[in-house]
């Protein structure tokens, strides 16, 4: 099932990538798409499938649902807290 990328998701993708200091081309490689295609995901101009969403969630160590529902601040705080354990 494909869903349209939400503003919250596109914001999360941008902020999480910056937090981890990943270039767009690295994430494009992970998702097997072009850098331009990944850029479109971050700008909310492209649909994202469950498999790509799952890959990103695994990479960042958060549940897929959190990428869709939580703010980037909440996600980054969650990532930092999980590293402390």
PDB file of N, CA and C in Angstrom:
ATOM      1  N   UNK A   1       0.836  -1.179   0.000  1.00  0.00           N
ATOM      2  CA  UNK A   1       0.000   0.000   0.000  1.00  0.00           C
ATOM      3  C   UNK A   1       0.881   1.243   0.000  1.00  0.00           C
ATOM      4  N   UNK A   2       0.688   2.106  -0.948  1.00  0.00           N
ATOM      5  CA  UNK A   2       1.420   3.365  -1.006  1.00  0.00           C
ATOM      6  C   UNK A   2       0.609   4.458  -0.342  1.00  0.00           C
ATOM      7  N   UNK A   3       1.309   5.354   0.296  1.00  0.00           N
ATOM      8  CA  UNK A   3       0.659   6.517   0.882  1.00  0.00           C
ATOM      9  C   UNK A   3       1.363   7.753   0.387  1.00  0.00           C
ATOM     10  N   UNK A   4       0.641   8.850   0.334  1.00  0.00           N
ATOM     11  CA  UNK A   4       1.305  10.089  -0.001  1.00  0.00           C
ATOM     12  C   UNK A   4       2.101  10.547   1.204  1.00  0.00           C
ATOM     13  N   UNK A   5       3.247  11.061   0.918  1.00  0.00           N
ATOM     14  CA  UNK A   5       4.107  11.531   1.982  1.00  0.00           C
ATOM     15  C   UNK A   5       3.486  12.771   2.623  1.00  0.00           C
ATOM     16  N   UNK A   6       3.419  12.777   3.913  1.00  0.00           N
ATOM     17  CA  UNK A   6       2.817  13.903   4.621  1.00  0.00           C
ATOM     18  C   UNK A   6       3.863  14.981   4.867  1.00  0.00           C
ATOM     19  N   UNK A   7       3.383  16.168   5.208  1.00  0.00           N
ATOM     20  CA  UNK A   7       4.309  17.246   5.561  1.00  0.00           C
ATOM     21  C   UNK A   7       5.151  16.847   6.762  1.00  0.00           C
ATOM     22  N   UNK A   8       4.532  16.167   7.724  1.00  0.00           N
ATOM     23  CA  UNK A   8       5.256  15.729   8.910  1.00  0.00           C
ATOM     24  C   UNK A   8       6.343  14.732   8.532  1.00  0.00           C
ATOM     25  N   UNK A   9       6.034  13.796   7.673  1.00  0.00           N
ATOM     26  CA  UNK A   9       7.017  12.805   7.261  1.00  0.00           C
ATOM     27  C   UNK A   9       8.162  13.463   6.492  1.00  0.00           C
ATOM     28  N   UNK A  10       7.859  14.335   5.570  1.00  0.00           N
ATOM     29  CA  UNK A  10       8.928  14.978   4.801  1.00  0.00           C
ATOM     30  C   UNK A  10       9.827  15.806   5.718  1.00  0.00           C
ATOM     31  N   UNK A  11       9.240  16.482   6.693  1.00  0.00           N
ATOM     32  CA  UNK A  11      10.012  17.242   7.680  1.00  0.00           C
ATOM     33  C   UNK A  11      10.891  16.296   8.496  1.00  0.00           C
ATOM     34  N   UNK A  12      10.327  15.169   8.912  1.00  0.00           N
ATOM     35  CA  UNK A  12      11.094  14.188   9.680  1.00  0.00           C
ATOM     36  C   UNK A  12      12.259  13.632   8.874  1.00  0.00           C
ATOM     37  N   UNK A  13      12.028  13.322   7.621  1.00  0.00           N
ATOM     38  CA  UNK A  13      13.106  12.785   6.785  1.00  0.00           C
ATOM     39  C   UNK A  13      14.258  13.774   6.677  1.00  0.00           C
ATOM     40  N   UNK A  14      13.928  15.024   6.483  1.00  0.00           N
ATOM     41  CA  UNK A  14      14.944  16.079   6.357  1.00  0.00           C
ATOM     42  C   UNK A  14      15.740  16.229   7.662  1.00  0.00           C
ATOM     43  N   UNK A  15      15.032  16.334   8.786  1.00  0.00           N
ATOM     44  CA  UNK A  15      15.702  16.556  10.065  1.00  0.00           C
ATOM     45  C   UNK A  15      16.504  15.340  10.550  1.00  0.00           C
ATOM     46  N   UNK A  16      15.963  14.162  10.352  1.00  0.00           N
ATOM     47  CA  UNK A  16      16.705  12.963  10.752  1.00  0.00           C
ATOM     48  C   UNK A  16      17.956  12.776   9.908  1.00  0.00           C
ATOM     49  N   UNK A  17      17.857  13.068   8.629  1.00  0.00           N
ATOM     50  CA  UNK A  17      19.049  12.967   7.770  1.00  0.00           C
ATOM     51  C   UNK A  17      20.116  13.945   8.235  1.00  0.00           C
ATOM     52  N   UNK A  18      19.697  15.170   8.549  1.00  0.00           N
ATOM     53  CA  UNK A  18      20.644  16.182   9.021  1.00  0.00           C
ATOM     54  C   UNK A  18      21.246  15.778  10.372  1.00  0.00           C
ATOM     55  N   UNK A  19      20.415  15.260  11.276  1.00  0.00           N
ATOM     56  CA  UNK A  19      20.895  14.831  12.590  1.00  0.00           C
ATOM     57  C   UNK A  19      21.981  13.762  12.454  1.00  0.00           C
ATOM     58  N   UNK A  20      21.775  12.824  11.551  1.00  0.00           N
ATOM     59  CA  UNK A  20      22.741  11.740  11.343  1.00  0.00           C
ATOM     60  C   UNK A  20      23.851  12.127  10.372  1.00  0.00           C
ATOM     61  N   UNK A  21      23.759  13.298   9.810  1.00  0.00           N
ATOM     62  CA  UNK A  21      24.742  13.824   8.844  1.00  0.00           C
ATOM     63  C   UNK A  21      24.907  12.907   7.634  1.00  0.00           C
ATOM     64  N   UNK A  22      23.779  12.405   7.138  1.00  0.00           N
ATOM     65  CA  UNK A  22      23.773  11.580   5.936  1.00  0.00           C
ATOM     66  C   UNK A  22      23.531  12.469   4.727  1.00  0.00           C
ATOM     67  N   UNK A  23      24.298  12.304   3.663  1.00  0.00           N
ATOM     68  CA  UNK A  23      23.955  13.012   2.429  1.00  0.00           C
ATOM     69  C   UNK A  23      22.760  12.345   1.744  1.00  0.00           C
ATOM     70  N   UNK A  24      22.040  13.093   0.955  1.00  0.00           N
ATOM     71  CA  UNK A  24      20.885  12.534   0.247  1.00  0.00           C
ATOM     72  C   UNK A  24      21.285  11.364  -0.627  1.00  0.00           C
ATOM     73  N   UNK A  25      22.448  11.418  -1.237  1.00  0.00           N
ATOM     74  CA  UNK A  25      22.858  10.325  -2.135  1.00  0.00           C
ATOM     75  C   UNK A  25      23.021   9.010  -1.376  1.00  0.00           C
ATOM     76  N   UNK A  26      23.399   9.071  -0.082  1.00  0.00           N
ATOM     77  CA  UNK A  26      23.511   7.851   0.722  1.00  0.00           C
ATOM     78  C   UNK A  26      22.130   7.236   0.928  1.00  0.00           C
ATOM     79  N   UNK A  27      21.158   8.051   1.289  1.00  0.00           N
ATOM     80  CA  UNK A  27      19.806   7.541   1.496  1.00  0.00           C
ATOM     81  C   UNK A  27      19.197   7.059   0.189  1.00  0.00           C
ATOM     82  N   UNK A  28      19.512   7.729  -0.897  1.00  0.00           N
ATOM     83  CA  UNK A  28      19.042   7.276  -2.204  1.00  0.00           C
ATOM     84  C   UNK A  28      19.597   5.889  -2.507  1.00  0.00           C
ATOM     85  N   UNK A  29      20.858   5.670  -2.170  1.00  0.00           N
ATOM     86  CA  UNK A  29      21.479   4.353  -2.367  1.00  0.00           C
ATOM     87  C   UNK A  29      20.756   3.294  -1.524  1.00  0.00           C
ATOM     88  N   UNK A  30      20.476   3.602  -0.265  1.00  0.00           N
ATOM     89  CA  UNK A  30      19.773   2.674   0.631  1.00  0.00           C
ATOM     90  C   UNK A  30      18.401   2.310   0.047  1.00  0.00           C
ATOM     91  N   UNK A  31      17.706   3.315  -0.499  1.00  0.00           N
ATOM     92  CA  UNK A  31      16.356   3.105  -1.021  1.00  0.00           C
ATOM     93  C   UNK A  31      16.338   2.654  -2.481  1.00  0.00           C
ATOM     94  N   UNK A  32      17.531   2.568  -3.085  1.00  0.00           N
ATOM     95  CA  UNK A  32      17.652   2.169  -4.496  1.00  0.00           C
ATOM     96  C   UNK A  32      16.864   3.106  -5.414  1.00  0.00           C
ATOM     97  N   UNK A  33      17.102   4.409  -5.208  1.00  0.00           N
ATOM     98  CA  UNK A  33      16.490   5.415  -6.069  1.00  0.00           C
ATOM     99  C   UNK A  33      17.549   6.471  -6.363  1.00  0.00           C
ATOM    100  N   UNK A  34      17.222   7.428  -7.181  1.00  0.00           N
ATOM    101  CA  UNK A  34      18.171   8.497  -7.480  1.00  0.00           C
ATOM    102  C   UNK A  34      18.183   9.523  -6.352  1.00  0.00           C
ATOM    103  N   UNK A  35      19.230  10.322  -6.322  1.00  0.00           N
ATOM    104  CA  UNK A  35      19.305  11.403  -5.336  1.00  0.00           C
ATOM    105  C   UNK A  35      18.155  12.373  -5.564  1.00  0.00           C
ATOM    106  N   UNK A  36      17.830  12.612  -6.816  1.00  0.00           N
ATOM    107  CA  UNK A  36      16.700  13.489  -7.152  1.00  0.00           C
ATOM    108  C   UNK A  36      15.387  12.899  -6.626  1.00  0.00           C
ATOM    109  N   UNK A  37      15.232  11.594  -6.763  1.00  0.00           N
ATOM    110  CA  UNK A  37      14.034  10.929  -6.246  1.00  0.00           C
ATOM    111  C   UNK A  37      13.934  11.049  -4.737  1.00  0.00           C
ATOM    112  N   UNK A  38      15.058  10.874  -4.055  1.00  0.00           N
ATOM    113  CA  UNK A  38      15.039  11.022  -2.606  1.00  0.00           C
ATOM    114  C   UNK A  38      14.722  12.466  -2.219  1.00  0.00           C
ATOM    115  N   UNK A  39      15.276  13.401  -2.941  1.00  0.00           N
ATOM    116  CA  UNK A  39      14.995  14.818  -2.689  1.00  0.00           C
ATOM    117  C   UNK A  39      13.499  15.098  -2.793  1.00  0.00           C
ATOM    118  N   UNK A  40      12.861  14.463  -3.762  1.00  0.00           N
ATOM    119  CA  UNK A  40      11.412  14.628  -3.918  1.00  0.00           C
ATOM    120  C   UNK A  40      10.654  14.070  -2.712  1.00  0.00           C
ATOM    121  N   UNK A  41      11.161  13.000  -2.103  1.00  0.00           N
ATOM    122  CA  UNK A  41      10.544  12.471  -0.887  1.00  0.00           C
ATOM    123  C   UNK A  41      10.617  13.507   0.241  1.00  0.00           C
ATOM    124  N   UNK A  42      11.791  14.110   0.392  1.00  0.00           N
ATOM    125  CA  UNK A  42      11.971  15.104   1.453  1.00  0.00           C
ATOM    126  C   UNK A  42      11.124  16.358   1.233  1.00  0.00           C
ATOM    127  N   UNK A  43      10.809  16.625  -0.003  1.00  0.00           N
ATOM    128  CA  UNK A  43       9.987  17.805  -0.302  1.00  0.00           C
ATOM    129  C   UNK A  43       8.504  17.466  -0.379  1.00  0.00           C
ATOM    130  N   UNK A  44       8.161  16.203  -0.157  1.00  0.00           N
ATOM    131  CA  UNK A  44       6.766  15.786  -0.186  1.00  0.00           C
ATOM    132  C   UNK A  44       6.186  15.749  -1.583  1.00  0.00           C
ATOM    133  N   UNK A  45       7.026  15.569  -2.579  1.00  0.00           N
ATOM    134  CA  UNK A  45       6.598  15.567  -3.977  1.00  0.00           C
ATOM    135  C   UNK A  45       6.516  14.178  -4.589  1.00  0.00           C
ATOM    136  N   UNK A  46       6.753  13.159  -3.753  1.00  0.00           N
ATOM    137  CA  UNK A  46       6.769  11.792  -4.270  1.00  0.00           C
ATOM    138  C   UNK A  46       6.129  10.869  -3.250  1.00  0.00           C
ATOM    139  N   UNK A  47       5.484   9.839  -3.755  1.00  0.00           N
ATOM    140  CA  UNK A  47       4.867   8.841  -2.885  1.00  0.00           C
ATOM    141  C   UNK A  47       5.942   7.937  -2.304  1.00  0.00           C
ATOM    142  N   UNK A  48       5.641   7.413  -1.118  1.00  0.00           N
ATOM    143  CA  UNK A  48       6.569   6.468  -0.499  1.00  0.00           C
ATOM    144  C   UNK A  48       5.808   5.185  -0.186  1.00  0.00           C
ATOM    145  N   UNK A  49       6.417   4.083  -0.526  1.00  0.00           N
ATOM    146  CA  UNK A  49       5.809   2.787  -0.245  1.00  0.00           C
ATOM    147  C   UNK A  49       6.200   2.288   1.133  1.00  0.00           C
ATOM    148  N   UNK A  50       5.500   1.274   1.585  1.00  0.00           N
ATOM    149  CA  UNK A  50       5.764   0.719   2.912  1.00  0.00           C
ATOM    150  C   UNK A  50       7.180   0.175   3.037  1.00  0.00           C
ATOM    151  N   UNK A  51       7.689  -0.436   1.985  1.00  0.00           N
ATOM    152  CA  UNK A  51       9.031  -1.024   2.081  1.00  0.00           C
ATOM    153  C   UNK A  51      10.096   0.058   2.252  1.00  0.00           C
ATOM    154  N   UNK A  52       9.969   1.161   1.531  1.00  0.00           N
ATOM    155  CA  UNK A  52      10.938   2.256   1.679  1.00  0.00           C
ATOM    156  C   UNK A  52      10.782   2.926   3.043  1.00  0.00           C
ATOM    157  N   UNK A  53       9.561   3.095   3.481  1.00  0.00           N
ATOM    158  CA  UNK A  53       9.319   3.672   4.800  1.00  0.00           C
ATOM    159  C   UNK A  53       9.932   2.780   5.877  1.00  0.00           C
ATOM    160  N   UNK A  54       9.775   1.482   5.726  1.00  0.00           N
ATOM    161  CA  UNK A  54      10.335   0.528   6.676  1.00  0.00           C
ATOM    162  C   UNK A  54      11.862   0.581   6.686  1.00  0.00           C
ATOM    163  N   UNK A  55      12.482   0.683   5.507  1.00  0.00           N
ATOM    164  CA  UNK A  55      13.943   0.781   5.433  1.00  0.00           C
ATOM    165  C   UNK A  55      14.442   2.022   6.154  1.00  0.00           C
ATOM    166  N   UNK A  56      13.751   3.143   5.960  1.00  0.00           N
ATOM    167  CA  UNK A  56      14.157   4.378   6.634  1.00  0.00           C
ATOM    168  C   UNK A  56      13.972   4.260   8.140  1.00  0.00           C
ATOM    169  N   UNK A  57      12.872   3.680   8.563  1.00  0.00           N
ATOM    170  CA  UNK A  57      12.618   3.501   9.990  1.00  0.00           C
ATOM    171  C   UNK A  57      13.708   2.615  10.613  1.00  0.00           C
ATOM    172  N   UNK A  58      14.077   1.537   9.934  1.00  0.00           N
ATOM    173  CA  UNK A  58      15.134   0.654  10.431  1.00  0.00           C
ATOM    174  C   UNK A  58      16.468   1.392  10.513  1.00  0.00           C
ATOM    175  N   UNK A  59      16.772   2.163   9.503  1.00  0.00           N
ATOM    176  CA  UNK A  59      18.018   2.922   9.480  1.00  0.00           C
ATOM    177  C   UNK A  59      18.107   3.877  10.665  1.00  0.00           C
ATOM    178  N   UNK A  60      17.012   4.551  10.952  1.00  0.00           N
ATOM    179  CA  UNK A  60      17.001   5.528  12.041  1.00  0.00           C
ATOM    180  C   UNK A  60      16.673   4.914  13.399  1.00  0.00           C
ATOM    181  N   UNK A  61      16.265   3.653  13.420  1.00  0.00           N
ATOM    182  CA  UNK A  61      15.981   2.972  14.674  1.00  0.00           C
ATOM    183  C   UNK A  61      14.697   3.414  15.354  1.00  0.00           C
ATOM    184  N   UNK A  62      13.701   3.726  14.541  1.00  0.00           N
ATOM    185  CA  UNK A  62      12.385   4.137  15.071  1.00  0.00           C
ATOM    186  C   UNK A  62      11.299   3.356  14.344  1.00  0.00           C
ATOM    187  N   UNK A  63      10.135   3.202  14.962  1.00  0.00           N
ATOM    188  CA  UNK A  63       9.029   2.539  14.269  1.00  0.00           C
ATOM    189  C   UNK A  63       8.528   3.374  13.078  1.00  0.00           C
ATOM    190  N   UNK A  64       8.089   2.700  12.045  1.00  0.00           N
ATOM    191  CA  UNK A  64       7.554   3.398  10.862  1.00  0.00           C
ATOM    192  C   UNK A  64       6.433   4.356  11.240  1.00  0.00           C
ATOM    193  N   UNK A  65       5.573   3.921  12.146  1.00  0.00           N
ATOM    194  CA  UNK A  65       4.444   4.765  12.541  1.00  0.00           C
ATOM    195  C   UNK A  65       4.916   6.067  13.180  1.00  0.00           C
ATOM    196  N   UNK A  66       6.044   6.018  13.880  1.00  0.00           N
ATOM    197  CA  UNK A  66       6.565   7.236  14.501  1.00  0.00           C
ATOM    198  C   UNK A  66       7.038   8.236  13.448  1.00  0.00           C
ATOM    199  N   UNK A  67       7.575   7.741  12.345  1.00  0.00           N
ATOM    200  CA  UNK A  67       7.987   8.651  11.266  1.00  0.00           C
ATOM    201  C   UNK A  67       6.793   9.431  10.718  1.00  0.00           C
ATOM    202  N   UNK A  68       5.632   8.791  10.760  1.00  0.00           N
ATOM    203  CA  UNK A  68       4.423   9.411  10.228  1.00  0.00           C
ATOM    204  C   UNK A  68       3.704  10.300  11.238  1.00  0.00           C
ATOM    205  N   UNK A  69       3.867  10.011  12.514  1.00  0.00           N
ATOM    206  CA  UNK A  69       3.018  10.656  13.532  1.00  0.00           C
ATOM    207  C   UNK A  69       3.738  11.589  14.500  1.00  0.00           C
ATOM    208  N   UNK A  70       5.014  11.388  14.708  1.00  0.00           N
ATOM    209  CA  UNK A  70       5.729  12.197  15.696  1.00  0.00           C
ATOM    210  C   UNK A  70       6.500  13.322  15.024  1.00  0.00           C
ATOM    211  N   UNK A  71       6.777  14.357  15.781  1.00  0.00           N
ATOM    212  CA  UNK A  71       7.576  15.465  15.252  1.00  0.00           C
ATOM    213  C   UNK A  71       9.044  15.049  15.200  1.00  0.00           C
ATOM    214  N   UNK A  72       9.828  15.765  14.423  1.00  0.00           N
ATOM    215  CA  UNK A  72      11.255  15.448  14.321  1.00  0.00           C
ATOM    216  C   UNK A  72      11.945  15.640  15.669  1.00  0.00           C
ATOM    217  N   UNK A  73      11.524  16.624  16.457  1.00  0.00           N
ATOM    218  CA  UNK A  73      12.106  16.815  17.788  1.00  0.00           C
ATOM    219  C   UNK A  73      11.867  15.598  18.670  1.00  0.00           C
ATOM    220  N   UNK A  74      10.653  15.065  18.638  1.00  0.00           N
ATOM    221  CA  UNK A  74      10.334  13.877  19.423  1.00  0.00           C
ATOM    222  C   UNK A  74      11.166  12.676  18.966  1.00  0.00           C
ATOM    223  N   UNK A  75      11.314  12.531  17.652  1.00  0.00           N
ATOM    224  CA  UNK A  75      12.075  11.402  17.117  1.00  0.00           C
ATOM    225  C   UNK A  75      13.545  11.490  17.498  1.00  0.00           C
ATOM    226  N   UNK A  76      14.116  12.671  17.396  1.00  0.00           N
ATOM    227  CA  UNK A  76      15.533  12.840  17.743  1.00  0.00           C
ATOM    228  C   UNK A  76      15.741  12.589  19.229  1.00  0.00           C
ATOM    229  N   UNK A  77      14.832  13.078  20.057  1.00  0.00           N
ATOM    230  CA  UNK A  77      14.907  12.824  21.496  1.00  0.00           C
ATOM    231  C   UNK A  77      14.821  11.313  21.762  1.00  0.00           C
ATOM    232  N   UNK A  78      13.939  10.637  21.058  1.00  0.00           N
ATOM    233  CA  UNK A  78      13.776   9.181  21.186  1.00  0.00           C
ATOM    234  C   UNK A  78      15.068   8.466  20.802  1.00  0.00           C
ATOM    235  N   UNK A  79      15.702   8.898  19.737  1.00  0.00           N
ATOM    236  CA  UNK A  79      16.959   8.284  19.283  1.00  0.00           C
ATOM    237  C   UNK A  79      18.061   8.500  20.312  1.00  0.00           C
ATOM    238  N   UNK A  80      18.166   9.709  20.832  1.00  0.00           N
ATOM    239  CA  UNK A  80      19.187  10.015  21.832  1.00  0.00           C
ATOM    240  C   UNK A  80      18.969   9.193  23.098  1.00  0.00           C
ATOM    241  N   UNK A  81      17.717   9.095  23.540  1.00  0.00           N
ATOM    242  CA  UNK A  81      17.399   8.304  24.741  1.00  0.00           C
ATOM    243  C   UNK A  81      17.740   6.834  24.535  1.00  0.00           C
ATOM    244  N   UNK A  82      17.476   6.302  23.357  1.00  0.00           N
ATOM    245  CA  UNK A  82      17.770   4.882  23.115  1.00  0.00           C
ATOM    246  C   UNK A  82      19.265   4.614  23.107  1.00  0.00           C
ATOM    247  N   UNK A  83      20.056   5.616  22.751  1.00  0.00           N
ATOM    248  CA  UNK A  83      21.516   5.459  22.768  1.00  0.00           C
ATOM    249  C   UNK A  83      22.060   5.439  24.190  1.00  0.00           C
ATOM    250  N   UNK A  84      21.354   6.048  25.122  1.00  0.00           N
ATOM    251  CA  UNK A  84      21.809   6.104  26.516  1.00  0.00           C
ATOM    252  C   UNK A  84      21.645   4.765  27.223  1.00  0.00           C
ATOM    253  N   UNK A  85      20.756   3.920  26.701  1.00  0.00           N
ATOM    254  CA  UNK A  85      20.479   2.639  27.362  1.00  0.00           C
ATOM    255  C   UNK A  85      21.568   1.653  27.179  1.00  0.00           C
TER     256      UNK A  85
END
